[in-house]
């Protein structure tokens, strides 16, 4: 579904590059977690995947029919604007020229939010907000779901619900998932592959191999007393 070849990127259009010679492919139906230290280029890579940015060199192609995107901060967090959950979703459905409300009903049920449809969006908790933003991203039945740190600002119980739902969408509905992650426990449990970024470079590996590499790195680091 996604093919990245010798990709370089910087916000200035030249060196030094934030992303350096990235090469990877994402088969349809995979669940990829992008991990790495702050500032290594994870969110920039997402913006490139979404077409918000263009590579300086190399290529990045995506054959997804429809992409759902959940940004790190949602549009309605802490807002006092008097709009309900259902109104948010219906307005987005109209934007996508969707005539049926079955997607709204189905996805509200999937995330256990059916009883919140008439609640003002500003009265939702952080976890409830995030669920609604994922439901909104699922409008139009995307075959690729991209998420930027989906558990940020979300309580532990809501995190479990969110990751279980995303996992089921990937495994049962065959939706390809790409998520920038700081929640390593979720990344190791849910992902089929880990894309580890470090100083603008990256490599793709299984969660098991990543765990081995991570433990090996810890063993090499000096212990401080």
N, C-alpha and C. Protein backbone atom coordinates (compact mmCIF):
# COMPACT_ATOMS: atom_id res chain seq x y z
N UNK A 1 0.81 -1.21 0.00
CA UNK A 1 0.00 0.00 0.00
C UNK A 1 0.86 1.27 0.00
N UNK A 2 2.00 1.25 0.73
CA UNK A 2 2.89 2.41 0.80
C UNK A 2 4.29 1.97 0.42
N UNK A 3 4.94 2.78 -0.42
CA UNK A 3 6.31 2.50 -0.82
C UNK A 3 7.13 3.77 -0.67
N UNK A 4 8.17 3.70 0.15
CA UNK A 4 9.06 4.83 0.38
C UNK A 4 10.46 4.46 -0.11
N UNK A 5 11.05 5.30 -0.95
CA UNK A 5 12.34 4.97 -1.55
C UNK A 5 13.29 6.17 -1.49
N UNK A 6 14.38 6.02 -0.76
CA UNK A 6 15.46 7.02 -0.67
C UNK A 6 14.90 8.42 -0.41
N UNK A 7 14.02 8.50 0.59
CA UNK A 7 13.36 9.77 0.89
C UNK A 7 14.23 10.65 1.78
N UNK A 8 14.36 11.91 1.35
CA UNK A 8 15.02 12.94 2.15
C UNK A 8 14.05 14.10 2.32
N UNK A 9 14.08 14.71 3.52
CA UNK A 9 13.21 15.86 3.74
C UNK A 9 13.84 16.83 4.73
N UNK A 10 13.68 18.13 4.44
CA UNK A 10 13.98 19.19 5.39
C UNK A 10 12.99 20.31 5.14
N UNK A 11 12.73 21.11 6.15
CA UNK A 11 11.79 22.22 5.99
C UNK A 11 12.41 23.39 5.24
N UNK A 12 13.73 23.38 5.05
CA UNK A 12 14.39 24.42 4.28
C UNK A 12 14.54 24.06 2.81
N UNK A 13 14.33 22.78 2.48
CA UNK A 13 14.49 22.34 1.09
C UNK A 13 15.89 21.86 0.76
N UNK A 14 16.77 21.84 1.74
CA UNK A 14 18.14 21.38 1.52
C UNK A 14 18.75 20.89 2.81
N UNK A 15 20.04 20.48 2.77
CA UNK A 15 20.68 19.99 3.99
C UNK A 15 20.85 21.10 5.02
N UNK A 16 20.92 20.72 6.31
CA UNK A 16 20.85 19.36 6.86
C UNK A 16 19.42 18.82 6.81
N UNK A 17 19.29 17.50 6.58
CA UNK A 17 17.99 16.88 6.41
C UNK A 17 17.44 16.34 7.72
N UNK A 18 16.15 16.57 7.94
CA UNK A 18 15.48 15.99 9.11
C UNK A 18 15.28 14.50 8.91
N UNK A 19 14.88 14.11 7.69
CA UNK A 19 14.72 12.69 7.33
C UNK A 19 15.76 12.36 6.26
N UNK A 20 16.45 11.22 6.46
CA UNK A 20 17.61 10.92 5.62
C UNK A 20 17.52 9.51 5.04
N UNK A 21 17.34 9.42 3.75
CA UNK A 21 17.41 8.15 3.02
C UNK A 21 16.50 7.07 3.63
N UNK A 22 15.21 7.41 3.81
CA UNK A 22 14.25 6.44 4.33
C UNK A 22 13.81 5.48 3.24
N UNK A 23 13.80 4.19 3.57
CA UNK A 23 13.37 3.14 2.64
C UNK A 23 12.51 2.14 3.39
N UNK A 24 11.25 2.01 3.00
CA UNK A 24 10.39 1.01 3.62
C UNK A 24 9.15 0.80 2.75
N UNK A 25 8.48 -0.31 2.99
CA UNK A 25 7.20 -0.57 2.32
C UNK A 25 6.22 -1.09 3.36
N UNK A 26 4.96 -0.73 3.19
CA UNK A 26 3.89 -1.15 4.09
C UNK A 26 2.87 -1.93 3.29
N UNK A 27 2.78 -3.25 3.48
CA UNK A 27 1.77 -4.04 2.79
C UNK A 27 0.36 -3.71 3.30
N UNK A 28 -0.61 -3.92 2.48
CA UNK A 28 -2.00 -3.70 2.87
C UNK A 28 -2.37 -4.61 4.04
N UNK A 29 -3.04 -4.05 5.04
CA UNK A 29 -3.50 -4.83 6.18
C UNK A 29 -2.56 -4.87 7.36
N UNK A 30 -1.38 -4.23 7.24
CA UNK A 30 -0.43 -4.22 8.36
C UNK A 30 -0.81 -3.16 9.40
N UNK A 31 -0.25 -3.31 10.58
CA UNK A 31 -0.39 -2.33 11.66
C UNK A 31 1.02 -1.91 12.03
N UNK A 32 1.39 -0.68 11.66
CA UNK A 32 2.75 -0.19 11.86
C UNK A 32 2.75 0.86 12.96
N UNK A 33 3.60 0.69 13.95
CA UNK A 33 3.81 1.72 14.96
C UNK A 33 5.16 2.39 14.69
N UNK A 34 5.14 3.72 14.57
CA UNK A 34 6.35 4.50 14.36
C UNK A 34 6.82 5.00 15.72
N UNK A 35 8.02 4.61 16.12
CA UNK A 35 8.52 4.96 17.45
C UNK A 35 9.87 5.65 17.33
N UNK A 36 10.25 6.36 18.39
CA UNK A 36 11.54 7.04 18.42
C UNK A 36 11.49 8.22 19.36
N UNK A 37 12.64 8.82 19.61
CA UNK A 37 12.74 9.95 20.52
C UNK A 37 12.04 11.17 19.93
N UNK A 38 11.67 12.11 20.81
CA UNK A 38 11.08 13.37 20.36
C UNK A 38 12.03 14.09 19.41
N UNK A 39 11.47 14.62 18.32
CA UNK A 39 12.27 15.39 17.37
C UNK A 39 12.96 14.58 16.30
N UNK A 40 12.73 13.25 16.28
CA UNK A 40 13.42 12.41 15.28
C UNK A 40 12.71 12.41 13.93
N UNK A 41 11.52 13.04 13.83
CA UNK A 41 10.85 13.15 12.53
C UNK A 41 9.61 12.30 12.36
N UNK A 42 9.08 11.74 13.44
CA UNK A 42 7.92 10.85 13.33
C UNK A 42 6.69 11.56 12.76
N UNK A 43 6.32 12.69 13.35
CA UNK A 43 5.14 13.42 12.89
C UNK A 43 5.36 14.01 11.50
N UNK A 44 6.59 14.40 11.19
CA UNK A 44 6.90 14.88 9.84
C UNK A 44 6.68 13.77 8.81
N UNK A 45 7.07 12.56 9.17
CA UNK A 45 6.84 11.43 8.25
C UNK A 45 5.34 11.22 8.03
N UNK A 46 4.53 11.37 9.08
CA UNK A 46 3.08 11.26 8.90
C UNK A 46 2.57 12.32 7.93
N UNK A 47 3.06 13.54 8.05
CA UNK A 47 2.61 14.62 7.17
C UNK A 47 3.00 14.35 5.73
N UNK A 48 4.13 13.72 5.54
CA UNK A 48 4.53 13.31 4.19
C UNK A 48 3.59 12.23 3.65
N UNK A 49 3.25 11.25 4.51
CA UNK A 49 2.33 10.19 4.10
C UNK A 49 0.97 10.75 3.72
N UNK A 50 0.53 11.80 4.43
CA UNK A 50 -0.77 12.41 4.17
C UNK A 50 -0.75 13.36 2.99
N UNK A 51 0.43 13.66 2.47
CA UNK A 51 0.52 14.58 1.35
C UNK A 51 0.56 16.04 1.74
N UNK A 52 0.66 16.33 3.05
CA UNK A 52 0.76 17.71 3.51
C UNK A 52 2.12 18.31 3.19
N UNK A 53 3.13 17.44 3.09
CA UNK A 53 4.49 17.84 2.75
C UNK A 53 4.97 17.02 1.56
N UNK A 54 6.00 17.52 0.87
CA UNK A 54 6.56 16.85 -0.30
C UNK A 54 8.02 16.52 -0.05
N UNK A 55 8.48 15.31 -0.39
CA UNK A 55 9.90 14.97 -0.20
C UNK A 55 10.81 15.93 -0.97
N UNK A 56 11.97 16.23 -0.39
CA UNK A 56 12.98 17.02 -1.09
C UNK A 56 13.65 16.14 -2.14
N UNK A 57 13.92 14.90 -1.77
CA UNK A 57 14.49 13.92 -2.71
C UNK A 57 13.84 12.58 -2.43
N UNK A 58 13.88 11.68 -3.43
CA UNK A 58 13.30 10.36 -3.28
C UNK A 58 11.81 10.37 -3.56
N UNK A 59 11.14 9.26 -3.20
CA UNK A 59 9.72 9.13 -3.52
C UNK A 59 8.96 8.48 -2.38
N UNK A 60 7.66 8.80 -2.33
CA UNK A 60 6.75 8.22 -1.35
C UNK A 60 5.40 8.08 -2.03
N UNK A 61 4.95 6.85 -2.23
CA UNK A 61 3.69 6.61 -2.91
C UNK A 61 2.74 5.82 -2.02
N UNK A 62 1.44 6.09 -2.20
CA UNK A 62 0.41 5.43 -1.40
C UNK A 62 -0.76 5.10 -2.31
N UNK A 63 -1.23 3.85 -2.26
CA UNK A 63 -2.32 3.42 -3.13
C UNK A 63 -3.65 3.33 -2.37
N UNK A 64 -3.71 3.89 -1.15
CA UNK A 64 -4.94 3.83 -0.38
C UNK A 64 -6.08 4.53 -1.13
N UNK A 65 -7.25 3.94 -1.09
CA UNK A 65 -8.44 4.53 -1.71
C UNK A 65 -8.93 5.72 -0.90
N UNK A 66 -8.90 5.55 0.43
CA UNK A 66 -9.40 6.59 1.34
C UNK A 66 -8.59 6.53 2.63
N UNK A 67 -8.15 7.69 3.13
CA UNK A 67 -7.33 7.76 4.34
C UNK A 67 -8.10 8.46 5.45
N UNK A 68 -8.14 7.83 6.63
CA UNK A 68 -8.67 8.48 7.82
C UNK A 68 -7.51 8.94 8.68
N UNK A 69 -7.61 10.17 9.21
CA UNK A 69 -6.50 10.76 9.95
C UNK A 69 -6.96 11.27 11.30
N UNK A 70 -6.23 10.89 12.36
CA UNK A 70 -6.50 11.37 13.71
C UNK A 70 -5.27 12.13 14.18
N UNK A 71 -5.33 13.48 14.22
CA UNK A 71 -4.17 14.26 14.65
C UNK A 71 -3.95 14.12 16.15
N UNK A 72 -2.82 14.61 16.60
CA UNK A 72 -2.48 14.50 18.02
C UNK A 72 -3.42 15.33 18.88
N UNK A 73 -3.83 16.49 18.41
CA UNK A 73 -4.79 17.31 19.13
C UNK A 73 -6.05 17.44 18.29
N UNK A 74 -7.20 17.21 18.91
CA UNK A 74 -8.42 17.28 18.12
C UNK A 74 -8.98 18.70 18.08
N UNK A 75 -9.90 18.90 17.15
CA UNK A 75 -10.42 20.23 16.85
C UNK A 75 -11.30 20.79 17.95
N UNK A 76 -11.90 19.91 18.78
CA UNK A 76 -12.93 20.34 19.70
C UNK A 76 -12.53 20.23 21.18
N UNK A 77 -11.27 19.91 21.45
CA UNK A 77 -10.85 19.76 22.84
C UNK A 77 -11.03 21.07 23.60
N UNK A 78 -11.64 20.97 24.77
CA UNK A 78 -11.81 22.12 25.67
C UNK A 78 -12.59 23.27 25.03
N UNK A 79 -13.45 22.96 24.07
CA UNK A 79 -14.21 24.02 23.43
C UNK A 79 -15.55 24.22 24.14
N UNK A 80 -16.01 25.46 24.11
CA UNK A 80 -17.33 25.77 24.66
C UNK A 80 -18.36 25.91 23.55
N UNK A 81 -17.94 25.62 22.31
CA UNK A 81 -18.88 25.75 21.18
C UNK A 81 -20.01 24.75 21.35
N UNK A 82 -21.27 25.19 21.27
CA UNK A 82 -22.42 24.30 21.56
C UNK A 82 -22.77 23.37 20.41
N UNK A 83 -21.98 22.32 20.24
CA UNK A 83 -22.23 21.33 19.19
C UNK A 83 -22.15 19.94 19.81
N UNK A 84 -23.08 19.08 19.44
CA UNK A 84 -23.12 17.74 20.02
C UNK A 84 -22.24 16.77 19.23
N UNK A 85 -22.00 15.61 19.84
CA UNK A 85 -21.24 14.56 19.18
C UNK A 85 -21.87 14.20 17.83
N UNK A 86 -23.18 13.99 17.82
CA UNK A 86 -23.85 13.61 16.57
C UNK A 86 -23.75 14.71 15.52
N UNK A 87 -23.85 15.96 15.93
CA UNK A 87 -23.75 17.07 14.98
C UNK A 87 -22.35 17.15 14.37
N UNK A 88 -21.33 16.90 15.19
CA UNK A 88 -19.96 16.87 14.66
C UNK A 88 -19.82 15.81 13.58
N UNK A 89 -20.31 14.61 13.86
CA UNK A 89 -20.16 13.50 12.92
C UNK A 89 -21.02 13.70 11.68
N UNK A 90 -22.23 14.22 11.85
CA UNK A 90 -23.09 14.44 10.69
C UNK A 90 -22.56 15.55 9.78
N UNK A 91 -21.98 16.57 10.37
CA UNK A 91 -21.41 17.65 9.55
C UNK A 91 -20.22 17.13 8.75
N UNK A 92 -19.43 16.25 9.36
CA UNK A 92 -18.30 15.66 8.64
C UNK A 92 -18.79 14.72 7.54
N UNK A 93 -19.87 13.99 7.82
CA UNK A 93 -20.45 13.11 6.80
C UNK A 93 -20.92 13.92 5.59
N UNK A 94 -21.53 15.08 5.83
CA UNK A 94 -21.96 15.93 4.73
C UNK A 94 -20.77 16.45 3.94
N UNK A 95 -19.67 16.76 4.65
CA UNK A 95 -18.45 17.22 3.98
C UNK A 95 -17.92 16.15 3.02
N UNK A 96 -18.09 14.89 3.40
CA UNK A 96 -17.64 13.77 2.56
C UNK A 96 -18.71 13.31 1.58
N UNK A 97 -19.86 14.01 1.58
CA UNK A 97 -20.99 13.66 0.70
C UNK A 97 -21.51 12.26 0.98
N UNK A 98 -21.55 11.91 2.26
CA UNK A 98 -22.11 10.62 2.67
C UNK A 98 -23.58 10.81 3.02
N UNK A 99 -24.42 9.98 2.44
CA UNK A 99 -25.86 10.15 2.66
C UNK A 99 -26.39 9.28 3.79
N UNK A 100 -25.67 8.22 4.14
CA UNK A 100 -26.17 7.28 5.13
C UNK A 100 -25.59 7.58 6.51
N UNK A 101 -26.38 7.37 7.56
CA UNK A 101 -25.90 7.56 8.94
C UNK A 101 -25.50 6.23 9.56
N UNK A 102 -25.48 5.16 8.76
CA UNK A 102 -25.17 3.83 9.32
C UNK A 102 -23.74 3.78 9.85
N UNK A 103 -22.80 4.49 9.19
CA UNK A 103 -21.42 4.52 9.66
C UNK A 103 -21.35 5.14 11.05
N UNK A 104 -22.11 6.21 11.26
CA UNK A 104 -22.11 6.89 12.55
C UNK A 104 -22.62 5.94 13.64
N UNK A 105 -23.75 5.31 13.39
CA UNK A 105 -24.33 4.41 14.39
C UNK A 105 -23.41 3.24 14.68
N UNK A 106 -22.85 2.64 13.63
CA UNK A 106 -22.00 1.47 13.79
C UNK A 106 -20.74 1.80 14.58
N UNK A 107 -20.10 2.93 14.25
CA UNK A 107 -18.83 3.26 14.90
C UNK A 107 -19.03 3.81 16.32
N UNK A 108 -20.13 4.51 16.56
CA UNK A 108 -20.44 4.90 17.94
C UNK A 108 -20.61 3.66 18.81
N UNK A 109 -21.26 2.65 18.26
CA UNK A 109 -21.46 1.40 18.99
C UNK A 109 -20.13 0.68 19.21
N UNK A 110 -19.29 0.65 18.17
CA UNK A 110 -17.99 -0.03 18.27
C UNK A 110 -17.16 0.55 19.40
N UNK A 111 -17.20 1.86 19.59
CA UNK A 111 -16.40 2.51 20.61
C UNK A 111 -17.17 2.75 21.90
N UNK A 112 -18.37 2.16 22.02
CA UNK A 112 -19.14 2.29 23.24
C UNK A 112 -19.60 3.70 23.54
N UNK A 113 -19.90 4.46 22.47
CA UNK A 113 -20.25 5.87 22.62
C UNK A 113 -21.68 6.18 22.18
N UNK A 114 -22.50 5.18 21.97
CA UNK A 114 -23.86 5.41 21.47
C UNK A 114 -24.67 6.31 22.40
N UNK A 115 -24.45 6.16 23.70
CA UNK A 115 -25.23 6.94 24.67
C UNK A 115 -24.72 8.37 24.83
N UNK A 116 -23.65 8.74 24.07
CA UNK A 116 -23.09 10.08 24.17
C UNK A 116 -23.41 10.93 22.94
N UNK A 117 -24.24 10.43 22.05
CA UNK A 117 -24.45 11.10 20.77
C UNK A 117 -25.05 12.50 20.92
N UNK A 118 -25.82 12.75 21.97
CA UNK A 118 -26.44 14.06 22.18
C UNK A 118 -25.69 14.93 23.20
N UNK A 119 -24.50 14.45 23.59
CA UNK A 119 -23.68 15.20 24.55
C UNK A 119 -22.89 16.29 23.83
N UNK A 120 -22.79 17.46 24.46
CA UNK A 120 -21.97 18.53 23.88
C UNK A 120 -20.51 18.07 23.83
N UNK A 121 -19.86 18.34 22.72
CA UNK A 121 -18.50 17.86 22.52
C UNK A 121 -17.55 18.41 23.59
N UNK A 122 -17.83 19.63 24.09
CA UNK A 122 -16.98 20.22 25.11
C UNK A 122 -17.11 19.60 26.47
N UNK A 123 -18.14 18.76 26.66
CA UNK A 123 -18.35 18.11 27.95
C UNK A 123 -17.76 16.71 28.03
N UNK A 124 -17.09 16.28 26.97
CA UNK A 124 -16.49 14.94 26.95
C UNK A 124 -15.15 14.94 27.67
N UNK A 125 -14.78 13.79 28.20
CA UNK A 125 -13.45 13.61 28.78
C UNK A 125 -12.43 13.49 27.65
N UNK A 126 -11.14 13.50 28.01
CA UNK A 126 -10.09 13.36 27.01
C UNK A 126 -10.21 12.06 26.22
N UNK A 127 -10.50 10.96 26.93
CA UNK A 127 -10.64 9.67 26.26
C UNK A 127 -11.84 9.64 25.33
N UNK A 128 -12.96 10.25 25.76
CA UNK A 128 -14.16 10.29 24.93
C UNK A 128 -13.93 11.16 23.68
N UNK A 129 -13.23 12.28 23.86
CA UNK A 129 -12.87 13.12 22.72
C UNK A 129 -12.11 12.31 21.67
N UNK A 130 -11.11 11.56 22.16
CA UNK A 130 -10.26 10.82 21.22
C UNK A 130 -11.07 9.76 20.48
N UNK A 131 -11.99 9.11 21.17
CA UNK A 131 -12.84 8.12 20.50
C UNK A 131 -13.66 8.76 19.40
N UNK A 132 -14.20 9.94 19.65
CA UNK A 132 -15.00 10.63 18.64
C UNK A 132 -14.15 11.03 17.46
N UNK A 133 -12.92 11.46 17.69
CA UNK A 133 -12.04 11.82 16.58
C UNK A 133 -11.67 10.59 15.74
N UNK A 134 -11.54 9.44 16.37
CA UNK A 134 -11.28 8.21 15.61
C UNK A 134 -12.52 7.82 14.82
N UNK A 135 -13.69 7.94 15.45
CA UNK A 135 -14.94 7.65 14.74
C UNK A 135 -15.08 8.58 13.54
N UNK A 136 -14.76 9.84 13.72
CA UNK A 136 -14.83 10.80 12.60
C UNK A 136 -13.89 10.37 11.48
N UNK A 137 -12.68 9.91 11.84
CA UNK A 137 -11.70 9.48 10.84
C UNK A 137 -12.17 8.25 10.08
N UNK A 138 -13.07 7.47 10.69
CA UNK A 138 -13.56 6.24 10.05
C UNK A 138 -14.73 6.51 9.10
N UNK A 139 -15.22 7.74 9.06
CA UNK A 139 -16.29 8.07 8.14
C UNK A 139 -15.80 7.87 6.70
N UNK A 140 -16.61 7.25 5.90
CA UNK A 140 -16.22 6.98 4.52
C UNK A 140 -15.49 5.67 4.34
N UNK A 141 -15.38 4.88 5.43
CA UNK A 141 -14.75 3.56 5.38
C UNK A 141 -13.34 3.58 4.77
N UNK A 142 -12.40 4.26 5.41
CA UNK A 142 -11.04 4.32 4.88
C UNK A 142 -10.37 2.94 4.91
N UNK A 143 -9.45 2.74 3.96
CA UNK A 143 -8.66 1.51 4.00
C UNK A 143 -7.29 1.75 4.63
N UNK A 144 -7.01 3.01 5.00
CA UNK A 144 -5.79 3.36 5.73
C UNK A 144 -6.16 4.33 6.84
N UNK A 145 -5.77 4.00 8.07
CA UNK A 145 -6.02 4.85 9.23
C UNK A 145 -4.67 5.31 9.78
N UNK A 146 -4.48 6.64 9.85
CA UNK A 146 -3.23 7.21 10.34
C UNK A 146 -3.52 7.97 11.63
N UNK A 147 -2.76 7.65 12.69
CA UNK A 147 -2.98 8.27 13.99
C UNK A 147 -1.67 8.82 14.54
N UNK A 148 -1.75 10.02 15.13
CA UNK A 148 -0.57 10.64 15.73
C UNK A 148 -0.72 10.61 17.24
N UNK A 149 -0.04 9.66 17.87
CA UNK A 149 -0.06 9.46 19.33
C UNK A 149 -1.50 9.37 19.86
N UNK A 150 -2.20 8.29 19.54
CA UNK A 150 -3.62 8.19 19.88
C UNK A 150 -3.95 8.15 21.35
N UNK A 151 -2.98 7.88 22.24
CA UNK A 151 -3.31 7.80 23.66
C UNK A 151 -2.88 9.02 24.46
N UNK A 152 -2.41 10.07 23.78
CA UNK A 152 -2.00 11.29 24.48
C UNK A 152 -3.18 11.93 25.20
N UNK A 153 -3.01 12.19 26.50
CA UNK A 153 -4.06 12.84 27.29
C UNK A 153 -5.26 11.97 27.57
N UNK A 154 -5.11 10.65 27.44
CA UNK A 154 -6.22 9.72 27.60
C UNK A 154 -5.98 8.85 28.83
N UNK A 155 -7.03 8.66 29.65
CA UNK A 155 -6.89 7.84 30.85
C UNK A 155 -6.66 6.38 30.48
N UNK A 156 -6.16 5.61 31.43
CA UNK A 156 -5.73 4.23 31.17
C UNK A 156 -6.87 3.36 30.66
N UNK A 157 -8.04 3.46 31.27
CA UNK A 157 -9.17 2.63 30.83
C UNK A 157 -9.58 2.96 29.41
N UNK A 158 -9.61 4.24 29.06
CA UNK A 158 -9.96 4.64 27.69
C UNK A 158 -8.88 4.20 26.71
N UNK A 159 -7.63 4.23 27.13
CA UNK A 159 -6.55 3.75 26.27
C UNK A 159 -6.79 2.29 25.88
N UNK A 160 -7.15 1.47 26.85
CA UNK A 160 -7.40 0.06 26.57
C UNK A 160 -8.54 -0.11 25.56
N UNK A 161 -9.62 0.65 25.74
CA UNK A 161 -10.76 0.58 24.82
C UNK A 161 -10.35 1.01 23.41
N UNK A 162 -9.60 2.12 23.34
CA UNK A 162 -9.20 2.66 22.04
C UNK A 162 -8.31 1.68 21.28
N UNK A 163 -7.30 1.15 21.96
CA UNK A 163 -6.38 0.23 21.27
C UNK A 163 -7.06 -1.08 20.90
N UNK A 164 -7.97 -1.56 21.72
CA UNK A 164 -8.69 -2.77 21.38
C UNK A 164 -9.53 -2.55 20.13
N UNK A 165 -10.17 -1.40 20.03
CA UNK A 165 -11.00 -1.10 18.86
C UNK A 165 -10.16 -0.95 17.61
N UNK A 166 -9.01 -0.25 17.72
CA UNK A 166 -8.12 -0.09 16.57
C UNK A 166 -7.58 -1.45 16.13
N UNK A 167 -7.23 -2.28 17.10
CA UNK A 167 -6.72 -3.62 16.80
C UNK A 167 -7.77 -4.44 16.04
N UNK A 168 -9.02 -4.36 16.49
CA UNK A 168 -10.08 -5.11 15.81
C UNK A 168 -10.35 -4.57 14.41
N UNK A 169 -10.27 -3.25 14.24
CA UNK A 169 -10.43 -2.67 12.91
C UNK A 169 -9.35 -3.19 11.96
N UNK A 170 -8.15 -3.32 12.48
CA UNK A 170 -7.04 -3.82 11.68
C UNK A 170 -7.19 -5.30 11.36
N UNK A 171 -7.48 -6.12 12.38
CA UNK A 171 -7.51 -7.56 12.18
C UNK A 171 -8.79 -8.03 11.48
N UNK A 172 -9.94 -7.49 11.90
CA UNK A 172 -11.21 -7.97 11.35
C UNK A 172 -11.63 -7.24 10.08
N UNK A 173 -11.44 -5.92 10.06
CA UNK A 173 -11.87 -5.13 8.90
C UNK A 173 -10.74 -4.92 7.89
N UNK A 174 -9.55 -5.40 8.23
CA UNK A 174 -8.38 -5.33 7.34
C UNK A 174 -7.99 -3.89 7.00
N UNK A 175 -8.26 -2.95 7.91
CA UNK A 175 -7.82 -1.57 7.71
C UNK A 175 -6.34 -1.47 8.06
N UNK A 176 -5.54 -0.94 7.14
CA UNK A 176 -4.13 -0.72 7.41
C UNK A 176 -4.01 0.42 8.41
N UNK A 177 -3.17 0.24 9.43
CA UNK A 177 -3.01 1.24 10.49
C UNK A 177 -1.55 1.67 10.57
N UNK A 178 -1.35 3.00 10.60
CA UNK A 178 -0.02 3.56 10.86
C UNK A 178 -0.18 4.56 12.00
N UNK A 179 0.56 4.34 13.08
CA UNK A 179 0.41 5.20 14.27
C UNK A 179 1.77 5.62 14.79
N UNK A 180 1.94 6.93 14.96
CA UNK A 180 3.08 7.42 15.75
C UNK A 180 2.78 7.09 17.20
N UNK A 181 3.72 6.44 17.89
CA UNK A 181 3.45 5.95 19.23
C UNK A 181 4.52 6.37 20.24
N UNK A 182 4.05 6.78 21.41
CA UNK A 182 4.93 6.89 22.58
C UNK A 182 4.53 5.84 23.60
N UNK A 183 3.38 5.20 23.38
CA UNK A 183 2.89 4.15 24.27
C UNK A 183 3.48 2.82 23.80
N UNK A 184 4.64 2.47 24.35
CA UNK A 184 5.36 1.30 23.85
C UNK A 184 4.64 0.00 24.17
N UNK A 185 3.93 -0.05 25.27
CA UNK A 185 3.18 -1.26 25.60
C UNK A 185 2.14 -1.54 24.52
N UNK A 186 1.40 -0.51 24.11
CA UNK A 186 0.39 -0.68 23.05
C UNK A 186 1.05 -1.03 21.72
N UNK A 187 2.18 -0.37 21.42
CA UNK A 187 2.88 -0.64 20.16
C UNK A 187 3.31 -2.10 20.08
N UNK A 188 3.84 -2.63 21.18
CA UNK A 188 4.33 -4.02 21.17
C UNK A 188 3.18 -5.02 21.11
N UNK A 189 2.04 -4.68 21.73
CA UNK A 189 0.91 -5.62 21.76
C UNK A 189 0.12 -5.62 20.45
N UNK A 190 -0.04 -4.46 19.83
CA UNK A 190 -0.98 -4.33 18.71
C UNK A 190 -0.33 -4.41 17.34
N UNK A 191 0.93 -4.00 17.22
CA UNK A 191 1.54 -3.83 15.91
C UNK A 191 1.97 -5.15 15.30
N UNK A 192 1.90 -5.19 13.97
CA UNK A 192 2.52 -6.30 13.25
C UNK A 192 3.98 -5.97 12.94
N UNK A 193 4.29 -4.66 12.83
CA UNK A 193 5.65 -4.20 12.58
C UNK A 193 5.91 -2.91 13.34
N UNK A 194 7.18 -2.70 13.69
CA UNK A 194 7.63 -1.47 14.35
C UNK A 194 8.58 -0.74 13.39
N UNK A 195 8.34 0.57 13.19
CA UNK A 195 9.29 1.37 12.42
C UNK A 195 10.01 2.28 13.41
N UNK A 196 11.27 1.97 13.68
CA UNK A 196 12.04 2.70 14.68
C UNK A 196 12.84 3.80 14.00
N UNK A 197 12.63 5.05 14.44
CA UNK A 197 13.35 6.19 13.88
C UNK A 197 14.36 6.71 14.88
N UNK A 198 15.52 7.08 14.36
CA UNK A 198 16.59 7.59 15.21
C UNK A 198 17.44 8.55 14.39
N UNK A 199 17.47 9.82 14.81
CA UNK A 199 18.27 10.85 14.15
C UNK A 199 17.98 10.93 12.65
N UNK A 200 16.70 10.88 12.31
CA UNK A 200 16.29 11.07 10.92
C UNK A 200 16.33 9.83 10.05
N UNK A 201 16.76 8.72 10.60
CA UNK A 201 16.79 7.47 9.85
C UNK A 201 15.83 6.47 10.49
N UNK A 202 15.51 5.40 9.78
CA UNK A 202 14.57 4.44 10.33
C UNK A 202 14.77 3.04 9.79
N UNK A 203 14.29 2.07 10.54
CA UNK A 203 14.27 0.71 10.02
C UNK A 203 13.04 -0.02 10.54
N UNK A 204 12.55 -0.93 9.72
CA UNK A 204 11.32 -1.68 9.99
C UNK A 204 11.69 -3.06 10.52
N UNK A 205 11.01 -3.49 11.59
CA UNK A 205 11.29 -4.81 12.15
C UNK A 205 10.06 -5.31 12.89
N UNK A 206 10.08 -6.57 13.28
CA UNK A 206 8.99 -7.14 14.05
C UNK A 206 9.05 -6.61 15.48
N UNK A 207 7.91 -6.64 16.21
CA UNK A 207 7.95 -6.23 17.62
C UNK A 207 8.95 -7.05 18.43
N UNK A 208 9.05 -8.34 18.12
CA UNK A 208 9.98 -9.21 18.86
C UNK A 208 11.43 -8.78 18.63
N UNK A 209 11.76 -8.49 17.37
CA UNK A 209 13.13 -8.07 17.08
C UNK A 209 13.42 -6.72 17.70
N UNK A 210 12.43 -5.83 17.67
CA UNK A 210 12.63 -4.51 18.28
C UNK A 210 12.88 -4.65 19.79
N UNK A 211 12.12 -5.52 20.44
CA UNK A 211 12.31 -5.74 21.87
C UNK A 211 13.72 -6.24 22.16
N UNK A 212 14.21 -7.17 21.33
CA UNK A 212 15.57 -7.68 21.50
C UNK A 212 16.61 -6.57 21.33
N UNK A 213 16.42 -5.72 20.29
CA UNK A 213 17.35 -4.62 20.03
C UNK A 213 17.33 -3.62 21.18
N UNK A 214 16.14 -3.33 21.71
CA UNK A 214 15.99 -2.37 22.79
C UNK A 214 16.70 -2.88 24.06
N UNK A 215 16.49 -4.15 24.38
CA UNK A 215 17.13 -4.72 25.56
C UNK A 215 18.65 -4.76 25.39
N UNK A 216 19.10 -5.04 24.16
CA UNK A 216 20.54 -5.06 23.89
C UNK A 216 21.14 -3.68 24.11
N UNK A 217 20.43 -2.63 23.70
CA UNK A 217 20.89 -1.25 23.89
C UNK A 217 20.98 -0.92 25.38
N UNK A 218 19.98 -1.35 26.14
CA UNK A 218 19.99 -1.10 27.59
C UNK A 218 21.19 -1.76 28.26
N UNK A 219 21.51 -2.99 27.83
CA UNK A 219 22.63 -3.70 28.43
C UNK A 219 23.95 -3.00 28.16
N UNK A 220 24.05 -2.30 27.00
CA UNK A 220 25.28 -1.63 26.62
C UNK A 220 25.47 -0.31 27.35
N UNK A 221 24.35 0.28 27.84
CA UNK A 221 24.43 1.57 28.50
C UNK A 221 25.02 1.40 29.90
N UNK A 222 25.86 2.34 30.36
CA UNK A 222 26.46 2.24 31.70
C UNK A 222 25.41 2.43 32.77
N UNK A 223 25.55 1.72 33.86
CA UNK A 223 24.62 1.83 35.00
C UNK A 223 25.14 2.91 35.95
N UNK A 224 24.23 3.76 36.39
CA UNK A 224 24.61 4.82 37.31
C UNK A 224 24.07 4.50 38.70
N UNK A 225 24.91 4.65 39.68
CA UNK A 225 24.53 4.38 41.07
C UNK A 225 24.25 5.70 41.79
